[in-house]
Amino acid sequence: MQRRHFLAGTATMIAAQAWKPSVVAASSNPQAAGTSPAASQQRALPPMALGLLVKPAEGPEAVFSRVKEMGFSNCFLSLDGYIGKFSPAVVSQILGLLDKYQLVATSAEVVGPGKLEWDFLGGPSTIGIVPPSSRAARIDALKQTSDFARQLGIPHLQTHCGFIPENPRDPLYEPTVLAIRELAKHCAGNGQEFLMETGQETPTTMFRAIKDVDQPNLGVGLDTANLILYGKANPVDALDIIGPYVKSIHAKDGKWPTDPMKLGEEVLIGSGIVDFTQVFAKLHKLGYTGAVTIERETSGPQQIEDVKQEKLYLEAILAKIQQPA
């Protein structure tokens, strides 16, 4: 792939910072947005409002009621359970529940279909849109999800793009860039930003891909733990490289990998390596105003108790960060 000059990358950064999802712009002006259910569900959130990652397909009523009961105002929708089953009935159901519980859906994500191995051995050939064997199916699923999210008034579509090659001359690099560009353009047509979730690639590789894709609505979904779990970077330092592109945050904690075949351990927020005070302070300085989504990878009653504890921990940090100078 012919490398772009630095000035072109700089122009892209400026455009990315200026570009705003149209569903958000519309929701800030009710008269412009009209009275559609999708427009009305996008209520204004305070800067860095805490939210929760949820999977509605596991039982929509129970999922959204739990989000409300736990004191959250917003949620990030993991929608793999709906791939191939997006329908007007599902749109109506989710819109009705978001309205019932007065919740804002901030982002939508899918990572399938197909086999996924979350480790260093099988991950490179199964995760994201880098592997050629699953690329077309995942592009299709992401486009379906973008179209579905548009009907819900959701401004962001997010996914793991995969182990993007460090070497830009790797034969997998250019097709991956082209696939990301195709998805970013599709999302732009739906008034959305397309976000690359951190994890499998270094911040420098992600930044290079952003420059090469060269689309103003392409951004970063910062998962604070994934950078550590994959041994790629410390999230505090990563913000020096990709900070201006961050449009979404998964608040999660973890430890460095000590087995070269396995990811590091995801742990309760506050017991791992992530320095959330520094991460939030840097993002606040950069002008980040989006949601902060808690993602805890335990399940059942333990997950609920963990999230309650994590919510209190993060609320205390955010209160200090956002105090007037």
C-alpha atoms as a PDB file:
ATOM      1  CA  MET A   1       0.000   0.000   0.000  1.00  0.00           C
ATOM      2  CA  GLN A   2       1.306   3.458  -0.896  1.00  0.00           C
ATOM      3  CA  ARG A   3       1.977   5.322   2.378  1.00  0.00           C
ATOM      4  CA  ARG A   4       0.222   8.666   2.847  1.00  0.00           C
ATOM      5  CA  HIS A   5       2.127  11.775   3.765  1.00  0.00           C
ATOM      6  CA  PHE A   6       1.954  13.000   7.368  1.00  0.00           C
ATOM      7  CA  LEU A   7      -0.030  16.083   6.382  1.00  0.00           C
ATOM      8  CA  ALA A   8      -2.792  13.881   5.017  1.00  0.00           C
ATOM      9  CA  GLY A   9      -2.922  12.065   8.350  1.00  0.00           C
ATOM     10  CA  THR A  10      -3.043  15.390  10.183  1.00  0.00           C
ATOM     11  CA  ALA A  11      -5.960  16.517   8.038  1.00  0.00           C
ATOM     12  CA  THR A  12      -7.735  13.273   8.836  1.00  0.00           C
ATOM     13  CA  MET A  13      -7.231  13.841  12.573  1.00  0.00           C
ATOM     14  CA  ILE A  14      -8.707  17.327  12.336  1.00  0.00           C
ATOM     15  CA  ALA A  15     -11.657  16.036  10.326  1.00  0.00           C
ATOM     16  CA  ALA A  16     -12.200  13.185  12.770  1.00  0.00           C
ATOM     17  CA  GLN A  17     -12.341  15.597  15.684  1.00  0.00           C
ATOM     18  CA  ALA A  18     -14.803  17.829  13.811  1.00  0.00           C
ATOM     19  CA  TRP A  19     -17.061  15.052  12.471  1.00  0.00           C
ATOM     20  CA  LYS A  20     -20.166  14.398  14.563  1.00  0.00           C
ATOM     21  CA  PRO A  21     -22.631  11.505  14.194  1.00  0.00           C
ATOM     22  CA  SER A  22     -25.853  12.872  12.738  1.00  0.00           C
ATOM     23  CA  VAL A  23     -28.025  10.880  15.161  1.00  0.00           C
ATOM     24  CA  VAL A  24     -26.366  12.722  18.036  1.00  0.00           C
ATOM     25  CA  ALA A  25     -26.629  16.064  16.331  1.00  0.00           C
ATOM     26  CA  ALA A  26     -30.306  15.435  15.675  1.00  0.00           C
ATOM     27  CA  SER A  27     -30.995  14.324  19.228  1.00  0.00           C
ATOM     28  CA  SER A  28     -29.618  17.577  20.630  1.00  0.00           C
ATOM     29  CA  ASN A  29     -32.293  19.466  18.712  1.00  0.00           C
ATOM     30  CA  PRO A  30     -35.713  17.803  19.153  1.00  0.00           C
ATOM     31  CA  GLN A  31     -37.325  19.962  16.486  1.00  0.00           C
ATOM     32  CA  ALA A  32     -34.681  18.951  13.955  1.00  0.00           C
ATOM     33  CA  ALA A  33     -34.800  15.332  15.059  1.00  0.00           C
ATOM     34  CA  GLY A  34     -38.535  15.011  14.824  1.00  0.00           C
ATOM     35  CA  THR A  35     -40.592  12.805  17.125  1.00  0.00           C
ATOM     36  CA  SER A  36     -39.419   9.354  16.053  1.00  0.00           C
ATOM     37  CA  PRO A  37     -38.905   6.821  18.868  1.00  0.00           C
ATOM     38  CA  ALA A  38     -35.241   6.463  17.883  1.00  0.00           C
ATOM     39  CA  ALA A  39     -34.678  10.199  18.164  1.00  0.00           C
ATOM     40  CA  SER A  40     -36.526  10.527  21.427  1.00  0.00           C
ATOM     41  CA  GLN A  41     -34.585   7.702  23.137  1.00  0.00           C
ATOM     42  CA  GLN A  42     -31.292   9.562  22.695  1.00  0.00           C
ATOM     43  CA  ARG A  43     -31.522  11.674  25.832  1.00  0.00           C
ATOM     44  CA  ALA A  44     -28.637  13.932  26.734  1.00  0.00           C
ATOM     45  CA  LEU A  45     -26.097  12.361  29.070  1.00  0.00           C
ATOM     46  CA  PRO A  46     -23.689  14.211  31.359  1.00  0.00           C
ATOM     47  CA  PRO A  47     -19.999  13.966  30.361  1.00  0.00           C
ATOM     48  CA  MET A  48     -18.374  10.609  31.187  1.00  0.00           C
ATOM     49  CA  ALA A  49     -21.619   9.122  32.480  1.00  0.00           C
ATOM     50  CA  LEU A  50     -21.155   5.586  33.777  1.00  0.00           C
ATOM     51  CA  GLY A  51     -22.940   2.869  31.814  1.00  0.00           C
ATOM     52  CA  LEU A  52     -22.980  -0.907  31.537  1.00  0.00           C
ATOM     53  CA  LEU A  53     -22.223  -3.348  28.715  1.00  0.00           C
ATOM     54  CA  VAL A  54     -25.183  -5.695  28.247  1.00  0.00           C
ATOM     55  CA  LYS A  55     -26.391  -8.491  25.969  1.00  0.00           C
ATOM     56  CA  PRO A  56     -30.126  -7.930  25.355  1.00  0.00           C
ATOM     57  CA  ALA A  57     -30.597 -11.250  23.549  1.00  0.00           C
ATOM     58  CA  GLU A  58     -30.201 -13.003  26.914  1.00  0.00           C
ATOM     59  CA  GLY A  59     -33.594 -11.571  27.947  1.00  0.00           C
ATOM     60  CA  PRO A  60     -34.319  -7.958  27.010  1.00  0.00           C
ATOM     61  CA  GLU A  61     -36.746  -7.066  29.815  1.00  0.00           C
ATOM     62  CA  ALA A  62     -34.539  -8.516  32.554  1.00  0.00           C
ATOM     63  CA  VAL A  63     -31.378  -6.991  31.068  1.00  0.00           C
ATOM     64  CA  PHE A  64     -32.652  -3.423  30.794  1.00  0.00           C
ATOM     65  CA  SER A  65     -34.495  -3.486  34.113  1.00  0.00           C
ATOM     66  CA  ARG A  66     -31.263  -4.601  35.809  1.00  0.00           C
ATOM     67  CA  VAL A  67     -29.344  -1.707  34.229  1.00  0.00           C
ATOM     68  CA  LYS A  68     -31.897   0.724  35.670  1.00  0.00           C
ATOM     69  CA  GLU A  69     -32.013  -0.967  39.079  1.00  0.00           C
ATOM     70  CA  MET A  70     -28.231  -0.697  39.368  1.00  0.00           C
ATOM     71  CA  GLY A  71     -28.419   3.055  38.890  1.00  0.00           C
ATOM     72  CA  PHE A  72     -27.073   3.422  35.350  1.00  0.00           C
ATOM     73  CA  SER A  73     -28.429   5.902  32.815  1.00  0.00           C
ATOM     74  CA  ASN A  74     -26.988   4.238  29.709  1.00  0.00           C
ATOM     75  CA  CYS A  75     -25.819   0.971  28.225  1.00  0.00           C
ATOM     76  CA  PHE A  76     -23.581  -0.422  25.495  1.00  0.00           C
ATOM     77  CA  LEU A  77     -25.322  -3.132  23.454  1.00  0.00           C
ATOM     78  CA  SER A  78     -23.471  -6.340  22.591  1.00  0.00           C
ATOM     79  CA  LEU A  79     -25.668  -7.751  19.837  1.00  0.00           C
ATOM     80  CA  ASP A  80     -24.113 -10.991  18.573  1.00  0.00           C
ATOM     81  CA  GLY A  81     -27.200 -12.857  19.748  1.00  0.00           C
ATOM     82  CA  TYR A  82     -29.235 -11.015  17.108  1.00  0.00           C
ATOM     83  CA  ILE A  83     -27.002 -11.556  14.055  1.00  0.00           C
ATOM     84  CA  GLY A  84     -29.251 -12.667  11.196  1.00  0.00           C
ATOM     85  CA  LYS A  85     -32.334 -11.935  13.309  1.00  0.00           C
ATOM     86  CA  PHE A  86     -32.531  -8.147  13.281  1.00  0.00           C
ATOM     87  CA  SER A  87     -36.177  -7.325  12.629  1.00  0.00           C
ATOM     88  CA  PRO A  88     -38.724  -4.520  13.045  1.00  0.00           C
ATOM     89  CA  ALA A  89     -40.133  -6.421  16.026  1.00  0.00           C
ATOM     90  CA  VAL A  90     -36.747  -6.405  17.777  1.00  0.00           C
ATOM     91  CA  VAL A  91     -36.338  -2.697  17.021  1.00  0.00           C
ATOM     92  CA  SER A  92     -39.742  -1.980  18.526  1.00  0.00           C
ATOM     93  CA  GLN A  93     -39.059  -4.143  21.572  1.00  0.00           C
ATOM     94  CA  ILE A  94     -35.695  -2.557  22.401  1.00  0.00           C
ATOM     95  CA  LEU A  95     -36.927   0.985  21.777  1.00  0.00           C
ATOM     96  CA  GLY A  96     -39.875   0.322  24.069  1.00  0.00           C
ATOM     97  CA  LEU A  97     -37.643  -1.002  26.845  1.00  0.00           C
ATOM     98  CA  LEU A  98     -35.144   1.851  26.551  1.00  0.00           C
ATOM     99  CA  ASP A  99     -38.046   4.267  26.870  1.00  0.00           C
ATOM    100  CA  LYS A 100     -39.653   2.314  29.725  1.00  0.00           C
ATOM    101  CA  TYR A 101     -36.478   2.351  31.792  1.00  0.00           C
ATOM    102  CA  GLN A 102     -35.318   5.792  30.621  1.00  0.00           C
ATOM    103  CA  LEU A 103     -32.007   4.474  29.278  1.00  0.00           C
ATOM    104  CA  VAL A 104     -29.729   5.624  26.459  1.00  0.00           C
ATOM    105  CA  ALA A 105     -28.080   3.040  24.214  1.00  0.00           C
ATOM    106  CA  THR A 106     -24.690   4.573  23.457  1.00  0.00           C
ATOM    107  CA  SER A 107     -23.063   2.019  21.150  1.00  0.00           C
ATOM    108  CA  ALA A 108     -23.662  -1.303  19.413  1.00  0.00           C
ATOM    109  CA  GLU A 109     -21.146  -4.072  18.842  1.00  0.00           C
ATOM    110  CA  VAL A 110     -20.832  -7.472  17.204  1.00  0.00           C
ATOM    111  CA  VAL A 111     -17.709  -9.606  16.832  1.00  0.00           C
ATOM    112  CA  GLY A 112     -19.105 -12.639  15.002  1.00  0.00           C
ATOM    113  CA  PRO A 113     -20.202 -14.702  13.248  1.00  0.00           C
ATOM    114  CA  GLY A 114     -17.835 -17.638  13.214  1.00  0.00           C
ATOM    115  CA  LYS A 115     -15.223 -19.171  15.450  1.00  0.00           C
ATOM    116  CA  LEU A 116     -13.440 -16.890  17.920  1.00  0.00           C
ATOM    117  CA  GLU A 117     -10.414 -17.871  19.999  1.00  0.00           C
ATOM    118  CA  TRP A 118      -9.476 -15.250  22.568  1.00  0.00           C
ATOM    119  CA  ASP A 119      -5.808 -16.162  22.926  1.00  0.00           C
ATOM    120  CA  PHE A 120      -2.453 -15.707  21.211  1.00  0.00           C
ATOM    121  CA  LEU A 121      -2.488 -19.024  19.367  1.00  0.00           C
ATOM    122  CA  GLY A 122      -5.845 -19.071  17.596  1.00  0.00           C
ATOM    123  CA  GLY A 123      -6.702 -15.386  17.936  1.00  0.00           C
ATOM    124  CA  PRO A 124      -4.787 -14.063  14.920  1.00  0.00           C
ATOM    125  CA  SER A 125      -6.675 -16.386  12.555  1.00  0.00           C
ATOM    126  CA  THR A 126     -10.140 -16.070  14.130  1.00  0.00           C
ATOM    127  CA  ILE A 127     -10.676 -12.563  15.578  1.00  0.00           C
ATOM    128  CA  GLY A 128     -11.971  -9.574  13.640  1.00  0.00           C
ATOM    129  CA  ILE A 129     -11.911  -8.731   9.952  1.00  0.00           C
ATOM    130  CA  VAL A 130      -8.217  -9.485   9.446  1.00  0.00           C
ATOM    131  CA  PRO A 131      -8.731 -13.241   8.771  1.00  0.00           C
ATOM    132  CA  PRO A 132      -9.776 -13.616   5.111  1.00  0.00           C
ATOM    133  CA  SER A 133     -11.950 -16.681   5.764  1.00  0.00           C
ATOM    134  CA  SER A 134     -14.413 -14.808   7.986  1.00  0.00           C
ATOM    135  CA  ARG A 135     -13.987 -11.257   6.692  1.00  0.00           C
ATOM    136  CA  ALA A 136     -16.956 -11.133   4.288  1.00  0.00           C
ATOM    137  CA  ALA A 137     -19.407 -12.641   6.790  1.00  0.00           C
ATOM    138  CA  ARG A 138     -18.313 -10.223   9.513  1.00  0.00           C
ATOM    139  CA  ILE A 139     -18.506  -7.198   7.236  1.00  0.00           C
ATOM    140  CA  ASP A 140     -22.062  -8.251   6.421  1.00  0.00           C
ATOM    141  CA  ALA A 141     -22.922  -8.713  10.105  1.00  0.00           C
ATOM    142  CA  LEU A 142     -21.474  -5.320  10.982  1.00  0.00           C
ATOM    143  CA  LYS A 143     -23.455  -3.637   8.211  1.00  0.00           C
ATOM    144  CA  GLN A 144     -26.624  -5.341   9.465  1.00  0.00           C
ATOM    145  CA  THR A 145     -25.847  -4.109  12.954  1.00  0.00           C
ATOM    146  CA  SER A 146     -25.200  -0.571  11.730  1.00  0.00           C
ATOM    147  CA  ASP A 147     -28.559  -0.514   9.961  1.00  0.00           C
ATOM    148  CA  PHE A 148     -30.267  -1.900  13.055  1.00  0.00           C
ATOM    149  CA  ALA A 149     -28.502   0.571  15.366  1.00  0.00           C
ATOM    150  CA  ARG A 150     -29.583   3.456  13.148  1.00  0.00           C
ATOM    151  CA  GLN A 151     -33.221   2.575  13.821  1.00  0.00           C
ATOM    152  CA  LEU A 152     -32.460   2.747  17.538  1.00  0.00           C
ATOM    153  CA  GLY A 153     -30.725   6.121  17.243  1.00  0.00           C
ATOM    154  CA  ILE A 154     -27.361   4.641  18.276  1.00  0.00           C
ATOM    155  CA  PRO A 155     -24.429   6.798  17.128  1.00  0.00           C
ATOM    156  CA  HIS A 156     -21.557   4.286  17.339  1.00  0.00           C
ATOM    157  CA  LEU A 157     -20.800   0.863  15.874  1.00  0.00           C
ATOM    158  CA  GLN A 158     -17.823  -0.881  17.458  1.00  0.00           C
ATOM    159  CA  THR A 159     -15.878  -4.086  16.897  1.00  0.00           C
ATOM    160  CA  HIS A 160     -12.520  -5.788  17.279  1.00  0.00           C
ATOM    161  CA  CYS A 161     -10.823  -5.470  13.902  1.00  0.00           C
ATOM    162  CA  GLY A 162      -8.335  -8.149  14.963  1.00  0.00           C
ATOM    163  CA  PHE A 163      -4.584  -8.640  14.941  1.00  0.00           C
ATOM    164  CA  ILE A 164      -3.839  -5.893  12.411  1.00  0.00           C
ATOM    165  CA  PRO A 165      -0.308  -6.563  11.132  1.00  0.00           C
ATOM    166  CA  GLU A 166       2.487  -4.464  12.589  1.00  0.00           C
ATOM    167  CA  ASN A 167       4.170  -4.558   9.190  1.00  0.00           C
ATOM    168  CA  PRO A 168       2.179  -2.398   6.736  1.00  0.00           C
ATOM    169  CA  ARG A 169       3.665  -4.466   3.885  1.00  0.00           C
ATOM    170  CA  ASP A 170       2.148  -7.655   5.300  1.00  0.00           C
ATOM    171  CA  PRO A 171      -0.279  -9.074   2.671  1.00  0.00           C
ATOM    172  CA  LEU A 172      -3.122  -8.975   5.226  1.00  0.00           C
ATOM    173  CA  TYR A 173      -2.695  -5.271   5.958  1.00  0.00           C
ATOM    174  CA  GLU A 174      -4.137  -3.627   2.837  1.00  0.00           C
ATOM    175  CA  PRO A 175      -7.282  -5.822   2.643  1.00  0.00           C
ATOM    176  CA  THR A 176      -7.929  -5.056   6.307  1.00  0.00           C
ATOM    177  CA  VAL A 177      -7.624  -1.313   5.696  1.00  0.00           C
ATOM    178  CA  LEU A 178     -10.002  -1.588   2.751  1.00  0.00           C
ATOM    179  CA  ALA A 179     -12.503  -3.540   4.864  1.00  0.00           C
ATOM    180  CA  ILE A 180     -12.382  -0.952   7.655  1.00  0.00           C
ATOM    181  CA  ARG A 181     -12.867   1.823   5.102  1.00  0.00           C
ATOM    182  CA  GLU A 182     -15.886   0.032   3.642  1.00  0.00           C
ATOM    183  CA  LEU A 183     -17.429  -0.273   7.096  1.00  0.00           C
ATOM    184  CA  ALA A 184     -16.661   3.317   8.038  1.00  0.00           C
ATOM    185  CA  LYS A 185     -18.351   4.533   4.855  1.00  0.00           C
ATOM    186  CA  HIS A 186     -21.402   2.376   5.549  1.00  0.00           C
ATOM    187  CA  CYS A 187     -21.649   3.777   9.056  1.00  0.00           C
ATOM    188  CA  ALA A 188     -21.260   7.317   7.748  1.00  0.00           C
ATOM    189  CA  GLY A 189     -24.278   6.700   5.542  1.00  0.00           C
ATOM    190  CA  ASN A 190     -26.188   5.855   8.720  1.00  0.00           C
ATOM    191  CA  GLY A 191     -24.915   8.964  10.525  1.00  0.00           C
ATOM    192  CA  GLN A 192     -22.646   6.894  12.787  1.00  0.00           C
ATOM    193  CA  GLU A 193     -19.024   6.631  13.835  1.00  0.00           C
ATOM    194  CA  PHE A 194     -17.239   3.305  13.336  1.00  0.00           C
ATOM    195  CA  LEU A 195     -14.975   2.454  16.264  1.00  0.00           C
ATOM    196  CA  MET A 196     -12.012   0.078  16.377  1.00  0.00           C
ATOM    197  CA  GLU A 197     -11.814  -1.520  19.827  1.00  0.00           C
ATOM    198  CA  THR A 198      -8.338  -1.686  21.328  1.00  0.00           C
ATOM    199  CA  GLY A 199      -6.751  -5.002  22.147  1.00  0.00           C
ATOM    200  CA  GLN A 200      -5.110  -7.087  19.471  1.00  0.00           C
ATOM    201  CA  GLU A 201      -2.985  -4.327  17.949  1.00  0.00           C
ATOM    202  CA  THR A 202      -0.498  -1.836  19.349  1.00  0.00           C
ATOM    203  CA  PRO A 203      -1.634   1.805  19.567  1.00  0.00           C
ATOM    204  CA  THR A 204       0.876   2.693  16.842  1.00  0.00           C
ATOM    205  CA  THR A 205      -0.561   0.066  14.491  1.00  0.00           C
ATOM    206  CA  MET A 206      -4.088   1.293  15.201  1.00  0.00           C
ATOM    207  CA  PHE A 207      -3.030   4.884  14.541  1.00  0.00           C
ATOM    208  CA  ARG A 208      -1.384   3.850  11.255  1.00  0.00           C
ATOM    209  CA  ALA A 209      -4.571   2.058  10.196  1.00  0.00           C
ATOM    210  CA  ILE A 210      -6.685   5.099  11.062  1.00  0.00           C
ATOM    211  CA  LYS A 211      -4.463   7.277   8.879  1.00  0.00           C
ATOM    212  CA  ASP A 212      -4.543   4.786   6.004  1.00  0.00           C
ATOM    213  CA  VAL A 213      -8.309   4.256   6.162  1.00  0.00           C
ATOM    214  CA  ASP A 214      -8.641   8.044   6.012  1.00  0.00           C
ATOM    215  CA  GLN A 215     -12.322   8.403   6.977  1.00  0.00           C
ATOM    216  CA  PRO A 216     -13.450  11.219   9.311  1.00  0.00           C
ATOM    217  CA  ASN A 217     -15.967   9.041  11.180  1.00  0.00           C
ATOM    218  CA  LEU A 218     -13.400   6.376  12.141  1.00  0.00           C
ATOM    219  CA  GLY A 219     -12.507   6.366  15.818  1.00  0.00           C
ATOM    220  CA  VAL A 220     -11.328   4.263  18.740  1.00  0.00           C
ATOM    221  CA  GLY A 221     -13.230   2.305  21.352  1.00  0.00           C
ATOM    222  CA  LEU A 222     -10.781   2.304  24.258  1.00  0.00           C
ATOM    223  CA  ASP A 223     -10.904  -0.875  26.317  1.00  0.00           C
ATOM    224  CA  THR A 224      -8.651  -0.007  29.240  1.00  0.00           C
ATOM    225  CA  ALA A 225      -7.820  -3.625  30.112  1.00  0.00           C
ATOM    226  CA  ASN A 226      -7.474  -5.170  26.659  1.00  0.00           C
ATOM    227  CA  LEU A 227      -4.296  -3.248  25.926  1.00  0.00           C
ATOM    228  CA  ILE A 228      -2.785  -4.912  28.999  1.00  0.00           C
ATOM    229  CA  LEU A 229      -4.375  -8.346  28.548  1.00  0.00           C
ATOM    230  CA  TYR A 230      -2.845  -8.611  25.068  1.00  0.00           C
ATOM    231  CA  GLY A 231       0.489  -7.203  26.247  1.00  0.00           C
ATOM    232  CA  LYS A 232       0.272  -4.326  23.766  1.00  0.00           C
ATOM    233  CA  ALA A 233       0.428  -1.149  25.897  1.00  0.00           C
ATOM    234  CA  ASN A 234      -0.454   0.621  29.101  1.00  0.00           C
ATOM    235  CA  PRO A 235      -3.697   2.554  28.461  1.00  0.00           C
ATOM    236  CA  VAL A 236      -2.299   5.735  30.053  1.00  0.00           C
ATOM    237  CA  ASP A 237       0.578   5.807  27.572  1.00  0.00           C
ATOM    238  CA  ALA A 238      -1.599   4.646  24.681  1.00  0.00           C
ATOM    239  CA  LEU A 239      -3.633   7.840  24.955  1.00  0.00           C
ATOM    240  CA  ASP A 240      -0.580   9.823  23.857  1.00  0.00           C
ATOM    241  CA  ILE A 241      -0.982   8.096  20.480  1.00  0.00           C
ATOM    242  CA  ILE A 242      -4.693   7.399  19.976  1.00  0.00           C
ATOM    243  CA  GLY A 243      -6.256   9.701  22.578  1.00  0.00           C
ATOM    244  CA  PRO A 244      -7.760  12.230  20.133  1.00  0.00           C
ATOM    245  CA  TYR A 245      -9.650   9.405  18.406  1.00  0.00           C
ATOM    246  CA  VAL A 246     -11.295   7.873  21.483  1.00  0.00           C
ATOM    247  CA  LYS A 247     -15.097   8.023  21.196  1.00  0.00           C
ATOM    248  CA  SER A 248     -16.073   5.187  23.544  1.00  0.00           C
ATOM    249  CA  ILE A 249     -14.632   3.604  26.699  1.00  0.00           C
ATOM    250  CA  HIS A 250     -14.885   0.142  28.205  1.00  0.00           C
ATOM    251  CA  ALA A 251     -13.784   0.457  31.826  1.00  0.00           C
ATOM    252  CA  LYS A 252     -12.150  -2.844  32.658  1.00  0.00           C
ATOM    253  CA  ASP A 253      -9.083  -3.906  34.646  1.00  0.00           C
ATOM    254  CA  GLY A 254      -6.493  -6.591  34.136  1.00  0.00           C
ATOM    255  CA  LYS A 255      -2.973  -7.904  34.493  1.00  0.00           C
ATOM    256  CA  TRP A 256      -0.170  -8.519  32.020  1.00  0.00           C
ATOM    257  CA  PRO A 257      -0.021 -11.952  30.338  1.00  0.00           C
ATOM    258  CA  THR A 258       2.458 -14.275  32.023  1.00  0.00           C
ATOM    259  CA  ASP A 259       1.742 -17.267  29.759  1.00  0.00           C
ATOM    260  CA  PRO A 260       2.819 -16.583  26.158  1.00  0.00           C
ATOM    261  CA  MET A 261      -0.138 -18.593  24.847  1.00  0.00           C
ATOM    262  CA  LYS A 262      -2.851 -16.970  26.982  1.00  0.00           C
ATOM    263  CA  LEU A 263      -4.176 -13.468  27.519  1.00  0.00           C
ATOM    264  CA  GLY A 264      -3.612 -11.720  30.820  1.00  0.00           C
ATOM    265  CA  GLU A 265      -6.217 -12.026  33.550  1.00  0.00           C
ATOM    266  CA  GLU A 266      -9.244  -9.711  33.621  1.00  0.00           C
ATOM    267  CA  VAL A 267      -9.895  -8.696  37.235  1.00  0.00           C
ATOM    268  CA  LEU A 268     -12.164  -6.544  39.370  1.00  0.00           C
ATOM    269  CA  ILE A 269     -11.662  -2.839  38.662  1.00  0.00           C
ATOM    270  CA  GLY A 270      -9.206  -1.462  41.175  1.00  0.00           C
ATOM    271  CA  SER A 271      -7.292  -4.720  41.630  1.00  0.00           C
ATOM    272  CA  GLY A 272      -5.386  -4.689  38.353  1.00  0.00           C
ATOM    273  CA  ILE A 273      -2.810  -2.518  36.611  1.00  0.00           C
ATOM    274  CA  VAL A 274      -5.047   0.148  35.032  1.00  0.00           C
ATOM    275  CA  ASP A 275      -4.584   3.595  36.587  1.00  0.00           C
ATOM    276  CA  PHE A 276      -8.092   4.924  36.082  1.00  0.00           C
ATOM    277  CA  THR A 277      -7.283   8.287  37.642  1.00  0.00           C
ATOM    278  CA  GLN A 278      -4.633   8.968  35.018  1.00  0.00           C
ATOM    279  CA  VAL A 279      -6.705   7.518  32.169  1.00  0.00           C
ATOM    280  CA  PHE A 280      -9.747   9.647  33.002  1.00  0.00           C
ATOM    281  CA  ALA A 281      -7.640  12.741  33.668  1.00  0.00           C
ATOM    282  CA  LYS A 282      -6.013  12.477  30.237  1.00  0.00           C
ATOM    283  CA  LEU A 283      -9.329  11.884  28.510  1.00  0.00           C
ATOM    284  CA  HIS A 284     -10.923  14.781  30.381  1.00  0.00           C
ATOM    285  CA  LYS A 285      -8.065  17.034  29.261  1.00  0.00           C
ATOM    286  CA  LEU A 286      -8.571  15.841  25.677  1.00  0.00           C
ATOM    287  CA  GLY A 287     -12.220  16.874  25.889  1.00  0.00           C
ATOM    288  CA  TYR A 288     -13.773  13.420  25.989  1.00  0.00           C
ATOM    289  CA  THR A 289     -17.451  13.687  26.964  1.00  0.00           C
ATOM    290  CA  GLY A 290     -18.808  10.253  26.029  1.00  0.00           C
ATOM    291  CA  ALA A 291     -19.952   7.445  28.283  1.00  0.00           C
ATOM    292  CA  VAL A 292     -17.718   5.253  30.441  1.00  0.00           C
ATOM    293  CA  THR A 293     -19.036   1.703  30.079  1.00  0.00           C
ATOM    294  CA  ILE A 294     -18.287  -0.878  32.760  1.00  0.00           C
ATOM    295  CA  GLU A 295     -17.541  -4.316  31.306  1.00  0.00           C
ATOM    296  CA  ARG A 296     -17.087  -7.162  33.781  1.00  0.00           C
ATOM    297  CA  GLU A 297     -16.461 -10.592  32.288  1.00  0.00           C
ATOM    298  CA  THR A 298     -17.784 -12.636  35.199  1.00  0.00           C
ATOM    299  CA  SER A 299     -21.409 -13.823  35.153  1.00  0.00           C
ATOM    300  CA  GLY A 300     -24.487 -14.308  37.309  1.00  0.00           C
ATOM    301  CA  PRO A 301     -24.788 -12.927  40.851  1.00  0.00           C
ATOM    302  CA  GLN A 302     -21.018 -12.449  41.098  1.00  0.00           C
ATOM    303  CA  GLN A 303     -21.047 -10.134  38.084  1.00  0.00           C
ATOM    304  CA  ILE A 304     -23.801  -8.013  39.636  1.00  0.00           C
ATOM    305  CA  GLU A 305     -21.890  -7.653  42.904  1.00  0.00           C
ATOM    306  CA  ASP A 306     -18.661  -6.883  41.049  1.00  0.00           C
ATOM    307  CA  VAL A 307     -20.329  -4.196  38.945  1.00  0.00           C
ATOM    308  CA  LYS A 308     -21.856  -2.534  42.004  1.00  0.00           C
ATOM    309  CA  GLN A 309     -18.404  -2.331  43.582  1.00  0.00           C
ATOM    310  CA  GLU A 310     -16.792  -1.106  40.377  1.00  0.00           C
ATOM    311  CA  LYS A 311     -19.451   1.572  39.934  1.00  0.00           C
ATOM    312  CA  LEU A 312     -18.692   3.059  43.352  1.00  0.00           C
ATOM    313  CA  TYR A 313     -14.953   2.925  42.705  1.00  0.00           C
ATOM    314  CA  LEU A 314     -15.218   4.739  39.361  1.00  0.00           C
ATOM    315  CA  GLU A 315     -17.774   7.279  40.575  1.00  0.00           C
ATOM    316  CA  ALA A 316     -15.299   8.466  43.221  1.00  0.00           C
ATOM    317  CA  ILE A 317     -12.539   8.911  40.637  1.00  0.00           C
ATOM    318  CA  LEU A 318     -14.769  10.683  38.114  1.00  0.00           C
ATOM    319  CA  ALA A 319     -16.068  13.083  40.778  1.00  0.00           C
ATOM    320  CA  LYS A 320     -12.503  14.199  41.505  1.00  0.00           C
ATOM    321  CA  ILE A 321     -11.521  14.453  37.843  1.00  0.00           C
ATOM    322  CA  GLN A 322     -14.534  16.562  36.936  1.00  0.00           C
ATOM    323  CA  GLN A 323     -14.309  18.995  39.842  1.00  0.00           C
ATOM    324  CA  PRO A 324     -14.092  22.627  38.631  1.00  0.00           C
ATOM    325  CA  ALA A 325     -10.532  23.902  38.692  1.00  0.00           C
END
